[in-house]
Amino acid sequence: MQGHIFNIQDNGKLVKMNEEPSPNEDRFQELLASYPDLLAGDQINSDAPREWLLVKREMGVPGEEDGGDRWSVDHLFLDQDGIPTLVEVKRSCDTRIRREVVGQMLDYAANALVYWPVEKIQAEFEKGCDDPDTRLTEFLGEDVSPNQFWERVKTNLQAGRVRMLFVADEIPAELLERKGGN
């Protein structure tokens, strides 16, 4: 049995929320870009929930040194520790969610680690902001300078630290692993 979600509005009225699939993948991606908290950083680390800084939607990933972009990952976010987070979005009606998307993401991550200079990531972030310095300061607070942050991103890339997130409107039942009969 599926539960319901309710919203208590400012006027005290209880409103039942109805689940609806995203009309298309582009709209789903727009929502994640606009509302990165949908990535539920507290589920990744409950002691230090992840905060998200969008670098770019459809971030190009090269397949060779100094080469043009061979692929593009749906979103590239950075968390507060400068860990690059690659996000691939699929709707449940897209049959590629079952197998192809995992290999695709592994290609993105492997090539990003080798061929993404931190300067490219920083430049893409700056192109996407009206005031990148202010945005970065709002994200980081006063304890970390922008230079320190970009150095962390570089260190994480060099150390092979990236995060891969698969986001779907619904995960097909056959992909969910049941443990302990639950």
Protein backbone atom coordinates (compact mmCIF):
# COMPACT_ATOMS: atom_id res chain seq x y z
CA MET A 1 0.00 0.00 0.00
CA GLN A 2 1.34 3.38 -0.99
CA GLY A 3 1.16 6.25 1.50
CA HIS A 4 0.22 9.82 0.79
CA ILE A 5 2.01 13.11 1.27
CA PHE A 6 0.15 16.11 2.60
CA ASN A 7 0.95 19.81 2.71
CA ILE A 8 -0.45 22.05 5.44
CA GLN A 9 -0.79 25.46 3.86
CA ASP A 10 -0.30 28.79 5.65
CA ASN A 11 -4.06 29.12 6.07
CA GLY A 12 -4.19 25.76 7.89
CA LYS A 13 -5.80 23.88 5.00
CA LEU A 14 -4.59 20.30 4.52
CA VAL A 15 -3.91 19.50 0.87
CA LYS A 16 -3.27 15.97 -0.40
CA MET A 17 -0.39 15.90 -2.87
CA ASN A 18 -0.88 13.74 -5.95
CA GLU A 19 2.03 11.86 -7.45
CA GLU A 20 2.53 12.60 -11.13
CA PRO A 21 5.30 11.53 -13.46
CA SER A 22 7.51 14.19 -14.96
CA PRO A 23 6.13 15.13 -18.38
CA ASN A 24 9.55 14.66 -19.99
CA GLU A 25 13.21 14.26 -19.14
CA ASP A 26 14.05 17.90 -19.90
CA ARG A 27 11.51 19.15 -17.35
CA PHE A 28 12.87 16.66 -14.82
CA GLN A 29 16.38 18.03 -15.43
CA GLU A 30 15.13 21.62 -15.09
CA LEU A 31 13.69 20.79 -11.67
CA LEU A 32 16.97 19.32 -10.44
CA ALA A 33 18.93 22.31 -11.71
CA SER A 34 16.52 24.75 -10.04
CA TYR A 35 16.03 22.74 -6.84
CA PRO A 36 19.22 20.78 -6.13
CA ASP A 37 17.92 19.83 -2.67
CA LEU A 38 15.88 17.22 -4.53
CA LEU A 39 19.14 15.25 -4.53
CA ALA A 40 18.61 14.67 -0.78
CA GLY A 41 22.14 15.31 0.47
CA ASP A 42 21.11 14.11 3.93
CA GLN A 43 20.65 10.60 2.54
CA ILE A 44 24.27 10.60 1.35
CA ASN A 45 25.69 11.78 4.66
CA SER A 46 23.28 12.36 7.55
CA ASP A 47 26.03 13.80 9.80
CA ALA A 48 27.12 16.36 7.20
CA PRO A 49 24.36 16.60 4.58
CA ARG A 50 25.63 17.38 1.12
CA GLU A 51 24.91 20.81 -0.28
CA TRP A 52 24.94 21.25 -4.04
CA LEU A 53 26.47 23.84 -6.33
CA LEU A 54 25.36 23.46 -9.94
CA VAL A 55 28.24 23.79 -12.36
CA LYS A 56 26.31 23.08 -15.54
CA ARG A 57 23.53 21.11 -17.15
CA GLU A 58 24.71 18.96 -20.04
CA MET A 59 28.35 19.28 -19.03
CA GLY A 60 30.60 18.09 -21.83
CA VAL A 61 32.97 15.20 -21.14
CA PRO A 62 35.95 14.74 -23.48
CA GLY A 63 37.14 11.31 -24.54
CA GLU A 64 40.78 12.24 -25.10
CA GLU A 65 43.47 14.71 -24.05
CA ASP A 66 42.70 18.18 -25.44
CA GLY A 67 39.80 16.66 -27.35
CA GLY A 68 36.33 17.97 -27.89
CA ASP A 69 33.43 16.76 -25.81
CA ARG A 70 32.44 13.20 -26.68
CA TRP A 71 29.55 12.94 -24.22
CA SER A 72 27.61 15.16 -21.87
CA VAL A 73 26.46 14.30 -18.36
CA ASP A 74 22.99 15.61 -17.48
CA HIS A 75 24.27 17.67 -14.53
CA LEU A 76 27.56 18.39 -12.87
CA PHE A 77 27.27 19.51 -9.26
CA LEU A 78 29.97 20.10 -6.66
CA ASP A 79 29.35 19.50 -2.99
CA GLN A 80 30.72 21.66 -0.17
CA ASP A 81 33.86 19.50 -0.04
CA GLY A 82 34.53 20.05 -3.74
CA ILE A 83 33.59 16.52 -4.76
CA PRO A 84 32.37 16.47 -8.37
CA THR A 85 28.95 14.85 -8.55
CA LEU A 86 27.78 13.55 -11.90
CA VAL A 87 24.01 13.22 -12.16
CA GLU A 88 22.27 11.24 -14.85
CA VAL A 89 18.49 11.56 -15.11
CA LYS A 90 16.19 8.97 -16.62
CA ARG A 91 12.46 8.53 -16.64
CA SER A 92 11.13 5.12 -15.70
CA CYS A 93 9.60 4.72 -19.16
CA ASP A 94 13.10 4.94 -20.69
CA THR A 95 14.28 1.35 -21.01
CA ARG A 96 17.93 2.49 -20.88
CA ILE A 97 17.53 2.91 -17.11
CA ARG A 98 17.85 -0.82 -16.72
CA ARG A 99 21.37 -1.33 -18.03
CA GLU A 100 22.83 1.18 -20.47
CA VAL A 101 22.85 4.14 -18.11
CA VAL A 102 25.26 2.46 -15.68
CA GLY A 103 27.90 1.85 -18.35
CA GLN A 104 27.31 5.34 -19.71
CA MET A 105 27.92 6.90 -16.30
CA LEU A 106 31.08 4.84 -15.75
CA ASP A 107 32.40 6.17 -19.08
CA TYR A 108 31.62 9.73 -18.01
CA ALA A 109 33.32 9.34 -14.64
CA ALA A 110 36.42 7.59 -15.97
CA ASN A 111 36.96 10.20 -18.68
CA ALA A 112 36.11 13.14 -16.42
CA LEU A 113 38.81 12.07 -13.96
CA VAL A 114 41.42 11.96 -16.70
CA TYR A 115 40.40 14.76 -19.06
CA TRP A 116 38.54 17.42 -17.03
CA PRO A 117 40.92 20.11 -15.84
CA VAL A 118 39.58 22.00 -12.85
CA GLU A 119 39.91 25.18 -14.90
CA LYS A 120 37.23 23.91 -17.30
CA ILE A 121 34.86 23.17 -14.43
CA GLN A 122 35.50 26.58 -12.91
CA ALA A 123 35.02 28.34 -16.26
CA GLU A 124 31.71 26.53 -16.89
CA PHE A 125 30.48 27.46 -13.41
CA GLU A 126 31.44 31.10 -13.95
CA LYS A 127 29.73 31.21 -17.38
CA GLY A 128 26.49 30.03 -15.80
CA CYS A 129 26.37 32.70 -13.06
CA ASP A 130 25.62 36.41 -13.15
CA ASP A 131 27.97 36.92 -10.20
CA PRO A 132 30.07 33.77 -9.65
CA ASP A 133 32.07 35.20 -6.73
CA THR A 134 28.93 36.08 -4.78
CA ARG A 135 27.30 32.74 -5.60
CA LEU A 136 30.37 30.83 -4.47
CA THR A 137 30.68 32.86 -1.26
CA GLU A 138 26.99 32.23 -0.48
CA PHE A 139 27.55 28.51 -1.03
CA LEU A 140 30.81 28.22 0.91
CA GLY A 141 30.31 30.74 3.68
CA GLU A 142 33.19 32.77 5.05
CA ASP A 143 35.37 29.85 6.20
CA VAL A 144 36.57 28.73 2.76
CA SER A 145 37.92 31.00 0.05
CA PRO A 146 37.03 30.39 -3.60
CA ASN A 147 40.69 29.55 -4.31
CA GLN A 148 40.70 26.93 -1.53
CA PHE A 149 37.48 25.45 -2.88
CA TRP A 150 38.76 25.12 -6.45
CA GLU A 151 41.94 23.57 -5.09
CA ARG A 152 39.76 20.98 -3.29
CA VAL A 153 37.96 20.23 -6.55
CA LYS A 154 41.32 19.70 -8.26
CA THR A 155 42.55 17.46 -5.43
CA ASN A 156 39.37 15.38 -5.56
CA LEU A 157 39.70 14.89 -9.31
CA GLN A 158 43.37 13.92 -8.98
CA ALA A 159 42.51 11.46 -6.19
CA GLY A 160 39.71 9.89 -8.26
CA ARG A 161 36.97 11.14 -5.93
CA VAL A 162 33.76 11.67 -7.83
CA ARG A 163 30.20 10.80 -6.97
CA MET A 164 27.74 9.31 -9.45
CA LEU A 165 24.02 9.75 -8.88
CA PHE A 166 21.32 8.10 -10.91
CA VAL A 167 18.03 9.96 -10.61
CA ALA A 168 14.75 8.56 -11.88
CA ASP A 169 11.10 9.37 -11.37
CA GLU A 170 10.62 5.72 -10.44
CA ILE A 171 13.10 2.88 -10.14
CA PRO A 172 11.86 -0.30 -11.84
CA ALA A 173 11.08 -3.01 -9.30
CA GLU A 174 13.54 -5.46 -10.85
CA LEU A 175 16.40 -3.03 -10.11
CA LEU A 176 15.60 -2.75 -6.43
CA GLU A 177 17.53 -5.21 -4.31
CA ARG A 178 15.56 -6.64 -1.43
CA LYS A 179 17.53 -7.56 1.64
CA GLY A 180 16.25 -9.59 4.52
CA GLY A 181 12.86 -10.11 2.88
CA ASN A 182 11.94 -6.42 3.14
